[in-house]
Structure formats: C-alpha cells, structure tokens
Amino acid sequence: MALDAVIISDTGSDSLSSTNPLRLNLDQRTADIQVVQNYLTHGGSVQTPIEGDDQMSWASAPKLNGIYLLNFLTKNNFKVELINSFYNEKDRFKQLLGRNPRAVIISTTFIPGKQNLVKLVADIRDLAPDVFVIVGGPLVYMSYLMLERNKQPDYDTQSANNEFLFLDIENEPAVDLCVISLRGEQILKDVLERLQENKEIDDIPNCARLIGNEYHFTKRIDDIARSEDFPIDWQALPDALFKSGVVSMQASNGCPYYCAFCNFTKDRRLTWTKTTERIMAEMQAVQARGARYVWFVDDNFRLGKSDLEAVCRRFVDARMDLKWMTFVRASTLDNVDVDLLRQAGCIEVQLGLESADPQILKNMNKKASPELYDRVLRKLLASGINCSCYFIFGFPGETEESAQRTRDFIKSFDEHFYEGALCWSMFPFLLTPLSPIYEPGARRKYGLSGYLHKWQHATMNSDQAREQVLKTFLEIEHSGPIYRGDNQEMLSRMGPSVRKKFEATRQKLSKKALTGPLETETILKSFRQVLPRSMNFDL
C-alpha cells in the first residue's frame, strides 16, 4: 500500500552535555547496566544480543513529537509510518521507500542545528532523490525569527549562519518545503492533501521554498488561533511503539518562566495543563498496551501547579501500576509530601538546578536559591526518589569561586547514603541566539562576546568553563553522569546499596579511562566486586 508520508522524529544524535563524552564505554558501547552485565558474562567483551538493551530505559522511549504527528495524520486518514531514530532505523526507512511515499516529514524538535539537518537530508536524498521533503518544528521557526532579527543591526545573526536556515543560502538543506509555525499540523495536513491531488502548494501560508538562489515565503497568518488540541489515541498506535515498555507523555505544555539562558520559543496561548482525568486515562491506555514506565516530558510538570499532592492521591487511589519520571522545578516540590509522590509511582525527578551560587542564579533569572535546592534534593533522595540534576558552568558572572560553590554542592551529596540515587549532567554555558542573555543589552552588561560554544565575558571564557566541567567531573566520587540508557528494571533489582556501589564504580572507571586505556581485568575485577554473580537480572 502506497504511503502518503514517512515521519522522522530524530536523527539519533547525542545531547550537548559535556559530561556525556566522559561516560564509561565498553567495546565502543556506553556502559549502561545491561552492557556491563553482558561484558561480565562474556569475560571482557560485549556480545550481541544484549539482554535488556533498548528496553525499560528512559532512552528507549519513542519521541513524542513523532507520535503526535503520526496520531494526527492517521486521524486525518493519511497513510503514514514513523521512524523514531533515522540512523538507528535506516534499514527500515529503506523498506518504507518501497511503498513509494509521497513525502518525508522531518520534525526538528531534536535536531540542534542546520548542519545536522543538512546531513540528514543529504542522506535521505541519497536513498530517495525525488521524494518531497518537508521540514518543520522549532529549528525552522527559530530560523525565521533569526531572519526577522537580521533586520536589527545590533543583533548578531551573522555568527548563526551555519546554525539556522534562511540566513545563508550557500549551504541549505535540500528540502522542498519549510513549514514555519509553532503549531504547523494543520498546514502539514493541507500540504499532504495538495500532494495527493497533484495540486500546487505555493499559496499555502506560513511556508518557505528555496527556488534557485532565493527563499520564497508565503503570507504569514496566525495559525495558533486555528490550532486545536489533538489527544493521542494510544490504543490505535502501532505495537512497536510500546515494545520498550517506556512511553513519553505530556501532562502540560509550555513554561511560564524566562531563564536567561533559555532560547525556547514561547507563546502563552500554547501553555496549558491536562486535567487529572485525562492524564489518568492516558496512563491507563498506555498501561493496557504494555507500558511499565512513563516519561512526562513537560518543561515543568503541569506548569508547577500547586495541586501536585492531589494529583498524586488520584494516582494512588487508582492503583496505577506505572513508574514515572518528570522535569519539575524545585520550588514546586518544596512543600510537597515526597513520600506520597513516591507512592504515586514517581521514581525519578529531573531538576534544572544550573548553579549553587546565589548571584549566578539571580543572573540566570532562576528565581531559586541554593538553600531551596539543598532542602528539596535531600528530602527527595531520602525518600528513595532518584534525582537527575542539570548544571551550567560559565554563565555570565561565573568565577572560580562561584563554580566552586556548585562543585561543593554536588560533592556534599557524595558524603551521605540516601535510598535515592543522584546523577547529573553538566553543560558549559552556550551563548544561544534568541535567549535573553544573547540580547545586545545583556551582552553589554556582562562584557559578553562570542557565539554558542566560543565566548568570553568579564569573569570567564568558554575554555575555562569547560575546564570547570572537567574539574567537577574528576572530583566527584560516588555519583556519576546521567546514563539514560540504563535498564531501570535491572537497576531496581540491585537495591539502593548495590546500585550506589555500582554507580560509584562506573564513575571511578570512567575517570581512569581519561588517563589511558583501561585494562580488561581491571574492569572485570572492579564490577565483579560490586555485582554479585548470584544477582538475577532475568527480565
């Protein structure tokens, strides 16, 4: 059966965290718990298949952007298929090309810049030179905003030519249509209908096409006003989306805060929370499909509403047999009964702490304090809820002293045993366009110059910030970087004490690997000391 489109959610590339490359690797595989167990079983080599790999891990959850588009287009009677990760599913993509899709739709939610998109489109063109390629999402919309800012002489857009579309046509991705919208699903529907009927698409609003050496933009309309909420019909989705046992879900959309480093595009009309009834119905639906874990991918769980305890009680009363994780602000949790949170199924929270220096937090407009962070983190960990924390080093105003405060803060949790596990990700500050700190006035305030990875301000530069990340990494003993690929079932079966020893051992070995090759016997001996051979990891 011919396809109307193939949707691509992601390329499969890693994040911008500086600590990700510092994670331990075994036989060129990230040392997730299931990889370590496989390595031990085979006496010092990783051999496929790896039991428990790509299952029950947060990283194994299919991306929600693709699921949403698949759901929307299927409901509108289009024949579409979903590729969650292009480079991991390239063979399946080739098979789908045999069904002659009219279009390939690329969502840029997880594509960090133009060069990544250029490569992806080039690889698609190698396989399907004539397919109609449509691209939309945050990168496209932000590129249009940058084009608008290009009209302002004091706003640096020239440095961003290689990161955003429309600014320099010398190296643009070979796409046929760009959809420029925060909610472009209706436009996408119109485009696919025109393609079905072999009609022209040049008058569809909020789009751009590169014709010759010039982009042609169609008229701008307020398509947010015509957007609707399209609930996901989890029962109708393909079985493959549930095979890992983990799904991504939203309890809210948007974020009401304006952190100075954040360049997420925002429109108040797209900020909403789901009702508790709807969240519960969705959780029951995915549980019926075999899901055991839910990753709420909210920027701030239910926008930080004060009814978190009431929601948790509903989960407890409904006897939801699902474990879940979410991003939430520390202030939301300050007066929450964390034992109730755990009873409701929450096993991990993501916390964007960024810094433990009060002045840096003020500079960031975080509206938080180190005392709040310390209070919330300790009670979460004491209750058995795992915490993955995110830190930024080098934000304007950062000094060696302020960075040391953050380092000391993280290390203070190394000195105590908690039932919950701590992990972290550290980023050097990125000077990103469209963020508040990128504005000319903010640059002047801090003596800030440069772009993205390479910058300097009055008290630090980008090289020094990366040094602070490495220094912090090397000084931490018992916790380690975030390993999103860890099989959560295997970690859970260890129990808190063994898990802590395992994660401390993994951190110790990853630090040793920085000084030279690790001997196989060293790795085997280290892990065998903390992972009893009698431990049953059967899934």
Protein backbone atom coordinates (compact mmCIF):
# COMPACT_ATOMS: atom_id res chain seq x y z
CA MET A 1 0.00 0.00 0.00
CA ALA A 2 1.45 3.38 -1.03
CA LEU A 3 2.28 5.85 1.72
CA ASP A 4 1.41 9.50 1.97
CA ALA A 5 4.45 10.17 4.14
CA VAL A 6 7.21 8.85 6.34
CA ILE A 7 7.73 10.86 9.54
CA ILE A 8 11.20 11.22 11.07
CA SER A 9 11.27 12.15 14.77
CA ASP A 10 15.01 12.34 15.37
CA THR A 11 18.41 11.58 13.91
CA GLY A 12 19.68 9.72 16.98
CA SER A 13 22.45 12.19 17.88
CA ASP A 14 23.53 12.87 21.46
CA SER A 15 22.91 15.95 23.60
CA LEU A 16 25.22 18.92 24.14
CA SER A 17 26.23 17.92 27.66
CA SER A 18 29.99 17.97 28.18
CA THR A 19 29.75 15.04 30.58
CA ASN A 20 28.18 12.69 28.03
CA PRO A 21 31.53 12.04 26.24
CA LEU A 22 33.09 11.34 29.66
CA ARG A 23 30.82 8.39 30.39
CA LEU A 24 32.41 4.96 30.54
CA ASN A 25 32.45 2.94 27.32
CA LEU A 26 32.94 -0.81 26.92
CA ASP A 27 33.76 -2.10 23.43
CA GLN A 28 32.54 1.22 21.99
CA ARG A 29 29.22 0.91 23.80
CA THR A 30 28.06 3.24 26.57
CA ALA A 31 28.40 1.30 29.82
CA ASP A 32 24.73 1.06 30.67
CA ILE A 33 23.94 -1.57 33.29
CA GLN A 34 22.84 -4.16 30.74
CA VAL A 35 26.05 -3.61 28.74
CA VAL A 36 28.15 -4.06 31.89
CA GLN A 37 26.32 -7.28 32.73
CA ASN A 38 26.89 -8.56 29.17
CA TYR A 39 30.58 -7.63 29.43
CA LEU A 40 30.92 -9.60 32.65
CA THR A 41 29.03 -12.59 31.28
CA HIS A 42 31.36 -12.83 28.28
CA GLY A 43 34.54 -12.30 30.25
CA GLY A 44 35.54 -8.90 28.96
CA SER A 45 33.76 -8.33 25.65
CA VAL A 46 30.32 -7.10 24.64
CA GLN A 47 28.47 -9.63 22.52
CA THR A 48 25.08 -9.15 20.92
CA PRO A 49 22.30 -9.62 21.62
CA ILE A 50 22.49 -7.67 24.86
CA GLU A 51 19.72 -8.80 27.20
CA GLY A 52 17.67 -5.84 28.37
CA ASP A 53 19.12 -3.39 25.85
CA ASP A 54 16.74 -0.76 24.45
CA GLN A 55 14.17 -1.89 26.99
CA MET A 56 12.89 -0.33 30.19
CA SER A 57 15.23 2.64 29.86
CA TRP A 58 14.30 6.29 29.58
CA ALA A 59 16.32 6.49 26.36
CA SER A 60 14.24 3.71 24.80
CA ALA A 61 11.02 5.76 24.90
CA PRO A 62 9.95 6.75 21.37
CA LYS A 63 9.99 10.52 20.84
CA LEU A 64 6.65 12.21 21.45
CA ASN A 65 6.93 14.65 18.53
CA GLY A 66 6.77 11.81 16.03
CA ILE A 67 3.99 10.03 17.91
CA TYR A 68 1.94 13.22 17.89
CA LEU A 69 2.33 13.70 14.12
CA LEU A 70 1.59 10.02 13.46
CA ASN A 71 -1.54 10.25 15.58
CA PHE A 72 -2.71 13.50 13.95
CA LEU A 73 -2.15 12.45 10.34
CA THR A 74 -3.60 8.97 10.87
CA LYS A 75 -6.74 10.50 12.35
CA ASN A 76 -6.98 12.60 9.20
CA ASN A 77 -6.92 9.44 7.05
CA PHE A 78 -3.37 9.71 5.76
CA LYS A 79 -1.27 6.58 5.36
CA VAL A 80 1.91 7.35 7.30
CA GLU A 81 4.73 5.49 9.00
CA LEU A 82 7.06 6.66 11.76
CA ILE A 83 10.85 6.48 12.00
CA ASN A 84 11.82 7.33 15.57
CA SER A 85 15.60 7.48 15.00
CA PHE A 86 16.80 7.73 11.40
CA TYR A 87 20.32 6.38 11.77
CA ASN A 88 19.22 3.54 14.02
CA GLU A 89 16.36 2.61 11.68
CA LYS A 90 17.93 3.26 8.30
CA ASP A 91 17.17 -0.25 7.03
CA ARG A 92 13.51 0.15 7.91
CA PHE A 93 13.47 3.53 6.19
CA LYS A 94 14.79 1.85 3.01
CA GLN A 95 11.99 -0.71 3.25
CA LEU A 96 9.39 2.04 3.59
CA LEU A 97 10.73 3.70 0.45
CA GLY A 98 9.50 0.58 -1.35
CA ARG A 99 5.96 1.81 -0.61
CA ASN A 100 6.57 4.97 -2.64
CA PRO A 101 5.84 7.64 -0.02
CA ARG A 102 4.80 10.98 -1.47
CA ALA A 103 6.72 12.84 1.21
CA VAL A 104 9.22 12.59 4.02
CA ILE A 105 8.34 14.79 7.01
CA ILE A 106 11.18 15.84 9.31
CA SER A 107 10.43 17.22 12.76
CA THR A 108 13.31 19.34 14.09
CA THR A 109 12.39 19.15 17.79
CA PHE A 110 15.57 17.14 18.47
CA ILE A 111 17.77 18.46 15.63
CA PRO A 112 20.07 21.05 17.22
CA GLY A 113 21.25 22.98 14.16
CA LYS A 114 21.31 23.43 10.40
CA GLN A 115 24.39 21.28 9.82
CA ASN A 116 22.70 18.28 11.43
CA LEU A 117 19.68 18.85 9.21
CA VAL A 118 21.84 19.25 6.09
CA LYS A 119 23.46 15.86 6.74
CA LEU A 120 20.16 14.15 7.46
CA VAL A 121 18.52 15.48 4.29
CA ALA A 122 21.59 14.58 2.20
CA ASP A 123 21.41 11.01 3.49
CA ILE A 124 17.70 10.87 2.70
CA ARG A 125 18.37 12.22 -0.81
CA ASP A 126 20.98 9.52 -1.38
CA LEU A 127 18.26 6.94 -0.84
CA ALA A 128 15.31 8.81 -2.35
CA PRO A 129 16.47 11.62 -4.67
CA ASP A 130 12.99 12.61 -5.81
CA VAL A 131 10.92 12.32 -2.65
CA PHE A 132 9.20 15.53 -1.47
CA VAL A 133 10.92 16.55 1.77
CA ILE A 134 9.02 18.69 4.28
CA VAL A 135 10.71 20.10 7.36
CA GLY A 136 9.11 21.90 10.30
CA GLY A 137 9.37 22.36 14.03
CA PRO A 138 11.46 24.52 16.38
CA LEU A 139 14.61 24.83 14.25
CA VAL A 140 12.61 26.13 11.28
CA TYR A 141 10.53 28.51 13.35
CA MET A 142 13.55 29.87 15.21
CA SER A 143 15.36 30.30 11.90
CA TYR A 144 12.55 32.56 10.74
CA LEU A 145 12.78 34.57 13.96
CA MET A 146 16.50 34.96 13.34
CA LEU A 147 15.79 36.17 9.83
CA GLU A 148 13.49 38.81 11.33
CA ARG A 149 16.19 39.81 13.84
CA ASN A 150 18.59 40.15 10.92
CA LYS A 151 16.89 43.46 10.22
CA GLN A 152 18.27 44.83 13.51
CA PRO A 153 21.88 45.98 13.01
CA ASP A 154 22.92 45.44 16.64
CA TYR A 155 21.69 41.83 16.82
CA ASP A 156 24.31 39.24 15.87
CA THR A 157 22.80 36.95 13.26
CA GLN A 158 25.90 36.60 11.10
CA SER A 159 27.55 34.24 13.59
CA ALA A 160 24.49 31.99 13.32
CA ASN A 161 24.62 31.43 9.57
CA ASN A 162 25.74 27.83 9.97
CA GLU A 163 23.20 27.04 12.68
CA PHE A 164 19.97 28.45 11.27
CA LEU A 165 18.15 28.30 7.96
CA PHE A 166 17.37 31.26 5.70
CA LEU A 167 20.41 33.36 6.69
CA ASP A 168 22.94 31.98 4.21
CA ILE A 169 21.71 30.01 1.21
CA GLU A 170 25.16 28.67 0.32
CA ASN A 171 24.67 25.53 2.39
CA GLU A 172 20.97 24.98 2.92
CA PRO A 173 19.39 21.53 3.27
CA ALA A 174 17.85 20.22 0.06
CA VAL A 175 14.26 20.33 1.31
CA ASP A 176 11.22 21.09 -0.79
CA LEU A 177 9.15 22.91 1.81
CA CYS A 178 9.71 24.54 5.19
CA VAL A 179 6.69 24.91 7.49
CA ILE A 180 7.23 27.97 9.70
CA SER A 181 4.89 27.57 12.64
CA LEU A 182 4.70 26.74 16.33
CA ARG A 183 1.66 24.57 15.54
CA GLY A 184 2.03 23.51 11.92
CA GLU A 185 -0.04 20.34 11.86
CA GLN A 186 -2.95 21.95 10.01
CA ILE A 187 -0.58 23.36 7.41
CA LEU A 188 1.00 19.93 7.08
CA LYS A 189 -2.45 18.46 6.52
CA ASP A 190 -3.13 21.00 3.75
CA VAL A 191 0.21 20.23 2.09
CA LEU A 192 -0.35 16.46 2.07
CA GLU A 193 -3.85 16.90 0.65
CA ARG A 194 -2.43 19.02 -2.18
CA LEU A 195 0.23 16.42 -2.89
CA GLN A 196 -2.43 13.71 -3.03
CA GLU A 197 -4.35 15.73 -5.60
CA ASN A 198 -1.24 16.87 -7.51
CA LYS A 199 -2.12 20.49 -6.83
CA GLU A 200 0.17 23.47 -6.36
CA ILE A 201 1.23 24.32 -2.81
CA ASP A 202 2.68 27.79 -3.42
CA ASP A 203 -0.21 29.63 -1.78
CA ILE A 204 -0.23 27.68 1.49
CA PRO A 205 0.58 30.19 4.28
CA ASN A 206 3.48 30.10 6.74
CA CYS A 207 5.79 28.23 4.40
CA ALA A 208 9.07 28.79 2.59
CA ARG A 209 10.64 27.25 -0.51
CA LEU A 210 14.16 27.69 -1.83
CA ILE A 211 13.81 28.40 -5.54
CA GLY A 212 17.11 28.97 -7.29
CA ASN A 213 19.17 31.23 -5.04
CA GLU A 214 16.29 32.76 -3.13
CA TYR A 215 13.80 31.72 -0.48
CA HIS A 216 10.18 32.46 -1.30
CA PHE A 217 8.00 33.00 1.76
CA THR A 218 4.23 32.72 1.69
CA LYS A 219 1.99 35.07 3.65
CA ARG A 220 2.06 34.92 7.43
CA ILE A 221 -1.14 34.10 9.29
CA ASP A 222 -1.89 33.49 12.96
CA ASP A 223 -2.25 29.73 12.73
CA ILE A 224 -2.04 29.35 16.50
CA ALA A 225 -5.54 30.78 16.61
CA ARG A 226 -6.78 27.93 14.40
CA SER A 227 -4.83 25.22 16.22
CA GLU A 228 -6.58 22.60 18.31
CA ASP A 229 -5.63 20.07 20.93
CA PHE A 230 -5.47 16.64 19.34
CA PRO A 231 -5.46 13.93 22.02
CA ILE A 232 -3.30 10.93 21.25
CA ASP A 233 -5.26 7.74 20.66
CA TRP A 234 -2.78 5.42 22.35
CA GLN A 235 -4.93 2.38 21.63
CA ALA A 236 -4.62 2.92 17.86
CA LEU A 237 -0.84 3.29 17.73
CA PRO A 238 1.42 0.53 16.35
CA ASP A 239 2.61 -2.16 18.75
CA ALA A 240 6.25 -1.29 18.02
CA LEU A 241 5.91 1.99 19.91
CA PHE A 242 5.32 0.08 23.15
CA LYS A 243 7.89 -2.70 22.81
CA SER A 244 10.46 -1.00 25.06
CA GLY A 245 7.97 -0.75 27.92
CA VAL A 246 8.54 3.03 28.19
CA VAL A 247 6.50 5.83 26.64
CA SER A 248 6.80 9.60 26.55
CA MET A 249 3.78 11.64 27.57
CA GLN A 250 2.84 15.24 28.36
CA ALA A 251 0.88 16.47 31.36
CA SER A 252 1.31 20.08 30.24
CA ASN A 253 2.80 22.20 27.50
CA GLY A 254 4.94 25.31 27.69
CA CYS A 255 6.79 27.04 30.51
CA PRO A 256 5.86 30.33 32.20
CA TYR A 257 9.45 31.08 33.29
CA TYR A 258 12.09 33.08 31.42
CA CYS A 259 15.51 31.77 32.37
CA ALA A 260 18.16 33.96 30.80
CA PHE A 261 19.98 31.10 29.05
CA CYS A 262 16.87 29.51 27.52
CA ASN A 263 16.00 30.11 23.86
CA PHE A 264 12.80 28.07 23.72
CA THR A 265 10.18 29.96 21.73
CA LYS A 266 7.08 30.65 23.75
CA ASP A 267 3.52 31.75 23.15
CA ARG A 268 1.18 31.98 26.13
CA ARG A 269 -1.66 30.57 24.02
CA LEU A 270 0.24 27.29 23.78
CA THR A 271 0.67 26.98 27.54
CA TRP A 272 -1.80 24.50 29.00
CA THR A 273 -2.21 21.69 31.51
CA LYS A 274 -4.15 18.48 31.07
CA THR A 275 -6.86 17.60 33.53
CA THR A 276 -6.07 14.87 36.03
CA GLU A 277 -8.80 12.74 34.46
CA ARG A 278 -7.20 12.96 31.05
CA ILE A 279 -3.73 12.15 32.39
CA MET A 280 -5.09 9.11 34.19
CA ALA A 281 -6.97 7.96 31.09
CA GLU A 282 -3.79 8.21 29.02
CA MET A 283 -1.76 6.35 31.62
CA GLN A 284 -4.36 3.59 31.76
CA ALA A 285 -4.31 3.41 27.96
CA VAL A 286 -0.52 3.00 27.69
CA GLN A 287 -0.50 0.53 30.56
CA ALA A 288 -3.02 -1.57 28.65
CA ARG A 289 -0.57 -1.55 25.72
CA GLY A 290 2.21 -2.95 27.88
CA ALA A 291 3.97 0.18 29.12
CA ARG A 292 5.55 -0.02 32.56
CA TYR A 293 7.26 3.37 32.65
CA VAL A 294 6.10 6.85 31.64
CA TRP A 295 8.41 9.78 30.98
CA PHE A 296 6.47 13.01 31.35
CA VAL A 297 8.44 15.28 29.01
CA ASP A 298 6.96 18.53 30.32
CA ASP A 299 9.31 21.50 30.64
CA ASN A 300 7.83 21.84 34.12
CA PHE A 301 5.40 19.15 35.26
CA ARG A 302 1.89 20.55 34.92
CA LEU A 303 3.45 24.05 34.91
CA GLY A 304 4.24 23.76 38.62
CA LYS A 305 0.60 23.90 39.71
CA SER A 306 0.02 23.68 43.45
CA ASP A 307 -2.19 20.58 43.20
CA LEU A 308 0.64 18.04 42.85
CA GLU A 309 -0.34 16.21 46.03
CA ALA A 310 -3.96 15.98 44.90
CA VAL A 311 -2.83 14.52 41.57
CA CYS A 312 -0.64 12.01 43.38
CA ARG A 313 -3.53 10.93 45.59
CA ARG A 314 -5.61 10.27 42.48
CA PHE A 315 -2.80 8.11 41.10
CA VAL A 316 -2.57 6.20 44.39
CA ASP A 317 -6.34 5.73 44.64
CA ALA A 318 -6.46 4.44 41.06
CA ARG A 319 -3.68 1.97 41.91
CA MET A 320 -1.69 2.95 38.85
CA ASP A 321 0.94 0.28 38.33
CA LEU A 322 3.22 2.60 36.39
CA LYS A 323 6.52 4.17 37.34
CA TRP A 324 7.27 7.62 36.03
CA MET A 325 9.77 10.44 35.76
CA THR A 326 9.35 14.13 35.04
CA PHE A 327 11.07 17.51 34.94
CA VAL A 328 9.88 19.73 37.79
CA ARG A 329 11.06 22.92 39.45
CA ALA A 330 12.48 22.59 42.94
CA SER A 331 10.08 25.26 44.25
CA THR A 332 7.12 23.06 43.26
CA LEU A 333 8.44 20.28 45.47
CA ASP A 334 9.42 22.35 48.49
CA ASN A 335 6.21 21.75 50.43
CA VAL A 336 5.13 18.51 48.78
CA ASP A 337 4.89 15.20 50.62
CA VAL A 338 7.60 13.33 48.72
CA ASP A 339 6.59 10.01 50.25
CA LEU A 340 3.21 10.49 48.60
CA LEU A 341 5.00 11.36 45.37
CA ARG A 342 6.83 8.05 45.52
CA GLN A 343 3.68 6.11 46.38
CA ALA A 344 2.12 7.63 43.25
CA GLY A 345 4.78 5.96 41.11
CA CYS A 346 7.37 8.73 40.74
CA ILE A 347 10.80 7.09 40.81
CA GLU A 348 12.88 9.95 39.41
CA VAL A 349 12.70 13.71 39.03
CA GLN A 350 14.75 15.88 36.71
CA LEU A 351 15.89 19.14 38.27
CA GLY A 352 17.33 22.05 36.33
CA LEU A 353 19.41 23.44 39.21
CA GLU A 354 22.05 25.11 36.96
CA SER A 355 24.16 26.56 39.79
CA ALA A 356 24.56 26.60 43.57
CA ASP A 357 25.75 30.20 43.68
CA PRO A 358 23.05 32.73 44.64
CA GLN A 359 24.36 35.51 42.40
CA ILE A 360 24.61 33.26 39.35
CA LEU A 361 21.06 32.03 39.97
CA LYS A 362 19.97 35.67 40.11
CA ASN A 363 21.82 36.44 36.89
CA MET A 364 20.06 33.49 35.28
CA ASN A 365 16.64 34.69 36.49
CA LYS A 366 16.10 31.26 38.05
CA LYS A 367 14.01 32.56 40.97
CA ALA A 368 15.58 29.96 43.26
CA SER A 369 18.25 29.65 45.92
CA PRO A 370 20.93 27.10 46.88
CA GLU A 371 19.14 26.60 50.20
CA LEU A 372 15.96 25.59 48.36
CA TYR A 373 17.91 23.16 46.20
CA ASP A 374 19.64 21.57 49.16
CA ARG A 375 16.39 21.18 51.09
CA VAL A 376 14.44 19.64 48.21
CA LEU A 377 17.20 17.39 46.94
CA ARG A 378 17.89 15.88 50.34
CA LYS A 379 14.29 15.06 51.07
CA LEU A 380 13.75 13.55 47.61
CA LEU A 381 16.81 11.31 47.92
CA ALA A 382 15.95 10.36 51.50
CA SER A 383 12.50 9.23 50.34
CA GLY A 384 14.02 6.96 47.68
CA ILE A 385 13.26 9.14 44.65
CA ASN A 386 16.17 9.31 42.22
CA CYS A 387 17.31 12.76 41.08
CA SER A 388 18.96 13.70 37.81
CA CYS A 389 20.30 17.24 38.07
CA TYR A 390 21.46 19.63 35.37
CA PHE A 391 24.18 22.23 35.89
CA ILE A 392 25.64 25.04 33.76
CA PHE A 393 29.17 26.31 34.25
CA GLY A 394 30.35 29.66 32.93
CA PHE A 395 27.18 31.74 32.81
CA PRO A 396 27.99 35.50 32.84
CA GLY A 397 29.19 36.44 36.30
CA GLU A 398 30.71 32.98 36.90
CA THR A 399 34.07 32.94 38.66
CA GLU A 400 36.28 30.23 40.07
CA GLU A 401 34.66 30.90 43.45
CA SER A 402 31.07 30.59 42.20
CA ALA A 403 31.92 27.44 40.23
CA GLN A 404 33.49 26.01 43.40
CA ARG A 405 30.23 26.59 45.27
CA THR A 406 28.40 24.49 42.70
CA ARG A 407 31.10 21.84 42.85
CA ASP A 408 30.94 21.73 46.64
CA PHE A 409 27.17 21.49 46.49
CA ILE A 410 27.30 18.40 44.27
CA LYS A 411 30.07 16.82 46.34
CA SER A 412 28.10 17.35 49.55
CA PHE A 413 25.69 14.66 48.39
CA ASP A 414 28.59 12.25 47.88
CA GLU A 415 29.19 12.17 51.61
CA HIS A 416 25.89 10.62 52.65
CA PHE A 417 23.97 7.47 51.89
CA TYR A 418 20.48 8.03 50.55
CA GLU A 419 17.99 5.48 49.31
CA GLY A 420 17.53 7.53 46.15
CA ALA A 421 20.34 7.81 43.60
CA LEU A 422 21.85 11.08 42.33
CA CYS A 423 23.13 11.57 38.80
CA TRP A 424 23.91 14.72 36.87
CA SER A 425 24.71 16.35 33.56
CA MET A 426 26.98 19.36 33.24
CA PHE A 427 26.98 21.85 30.41
CA PRO A 428 29.37 24.66 29.68
CA PHE A 429 27.31 27.80 29.12
CA LEU A 430 26.19 28.15 25.49
CA LEU A 431 25.60 31.63 24.10
CA THR A 432 22.49 30.77 22.13
CA PRO A 433 20.61 33.14 19.83
CA LEU A 434 17.09 34.17 20.85
CA SER A 435 17.85 33.68 24.55
CA PRO A 436 17.59 36.72 26.85
CA ILE A 437 21.35 36.66 27.53
CA TYR A 438 22.03 36.95 23.76
CA GLU A 439 20.31 40.33 23.59
CA PRO A 440 22.62 43.31 22.94
CA GLY A 441 21.80 44.94 26.29
CA ALA A 442 22.68 41.79 28.23
CA ARG A 443 25.91 41.41 26.29
CA ARG A 444 26.94 44.94 27.18
CA LYS A 445 26.03 44.41 30.84
CA TYR A 446 28.41 41.44 31.22
CA GLY A 447 31.03 42.32 28.62
CA LEU A 448 29.85 39.23 26.77
CA SER A 449 31.08 38.43 23.27
CA GLY A 450 31.30 35.38 21.02
CA TYR A 451 28.82 32.80 19.87
CA LEU A 452 27.49 29.44 21.04
CA HIS A 453 30.47 27.29 22.16
CA LYS A 454 33.12 30.03 21.94
CA TRP A 455 32.62 33.12 24.11
CA GLN A 456 34.06 35.27 26.84
CA HIS A 457 32.74 37.69 29.42
CA ALA A 458 34.24 39.83 32.17
CA THR A 459 34.96 36.92 34.53
CA MET A 460 35.33 33.73 32.44
CA ASN A 461 35.64 32.35 28.92
CA SER A 462 34.35 29.19 27.25
CA ASP A 463 37.63 27.27 27.63
CA GLN A 464 37.64 27.98 31.35
CA ALA A 465 34.01 26.85 31.62
CA ARG A 466 34.87 23.52 30.02
CA GLU A 467 37.73 23.19 32.47
CA GLN A 468 35.28 23.71 35.33
CA VAL A 469 33.10 20.89 33.99
CA LEU A 470 36.06 18.52 33.79
CA LYS A 471 37.34 19.54 37.22
CA THR A 472 33.94 18.88 38.76
CA PHE A 473 33.66 15.54 36.99
CA LEU A 474 37.03 14.42 38.33
CA GLU A 475 36.32 15.46 41.92
CA ILE A 476 33.01 13.64 42.29
CA GLU A 477 33.43 10.12 43.67
CA HIS A 478 30.13 8.36 44.27
CA SER A 479 27.62 9.71 41.77
CA GLY A 480 28.07 9.93 38.03
CA PRO A 481 26.73 11.32 34.76
CA ILE A 482 23.24 10.52 33.59
CA TYR A 483 23.04 7.18 31.77
CA ARG A 484 19.61 7.40 30.17
CA GLY A 485 20.13 4.01 28.53
CA ASP A 486 20.24 2.15 31.87
CA ASN A 487 17.62 -0.59 32.08
CA GLN A 488 15.54 0.60 35.04
CA GLU A 489 14.37 -2.89 35.96
CA MET A 490 17.95 -4.08 36.35
CA LEU A 491 18.88 -1.06 38.45
CA SER A 492 15.84 -1.55 40.66
CA ARG A 493 16.65 -5.20 41.32
CA MET A 494 20.05 -4.22 42.69
CA GLY A 495 18.55 -2.41 45.64
CA PRO A 496 19.83 1.02 46.79
CA SER A 497 23.07 -0.18 48.37
CA VAL A 498 24.35 -2.24 45.43
CA ARG A 499 23.20 0.39 42.96
CA LYS A 500 25.24 3.05 44.75
CA LYS A 501 28.33 0.84 44.68
CA PHE A 502 27.79 0.06 41.00
CA GLU A 503 27.41 3.72 40.04
CA ALA A 504 30.44 4.73 42.11
CA THR A 505 32.48 2.01 40.39
CA ARG A 506 31.32 3.15 36.96
CA GLN A 507 32.31 6.72 37.82
CA LYS A 508 35.71 5.62 39.11
CA LEU A 509 36.44 3.66 35.93
CA SER A 510 35.26 6.46 33.66
CA LYS A 511 37.70 8.82 35.36
CA LYS A 512 40.52 6.29 34.99
CA ALA A 513 39.73 5.99 31.29
CA LEU A 514 40.67 9.65 30.84
CA THR A 515 44.31 8.89 31.62
CA GLY A 516 44.70 5.97 29.21
CA PRO A 517 43.27 2.62 28.11
CA LEU A 518 41.60 0.57 30.83
CA GLU A 519 42.78 -3.00 31.24
CA THR A 520 40.05 -5.59 30.78
CA GLU A 521 40.97 -7.30 34.04
CA THR A 522 40.68 -4.00 35.91
CA ILE A 523 37.15 -3.51 34.61
CA LEU A 524 36.10 -7.08 35.32
CA LYS A 525 37.54 -7.09 38.83
CA SER A 526 36.01 -3.72 39.70
CA PHE A 527 32.49 -4.62 38.62
CA ARG A 528 32.59 -8.17 39.99
CA GLN A 529 33.33 -6.77 43.40
CA VAL A 530 30.05 -4.85 43.42
CA LEU A 531 27.80 -7.04 41.26
CA PRO A 532 27.32 -10.45 42.90
CA ARG A 533 27.32 -13.30 40.39
CA SER A 534 24.19 -14.63 42.04
CA MET A 535 22.26 -11.49 41.14
CA ASN A 536 19.39 -12.41 38.84
CA PHE A 537 18.90 -9.93 36.01
CA ASP A 538 16.45 -12.05 34.04
CA LEU A 539 13.82 -9.71 32.62
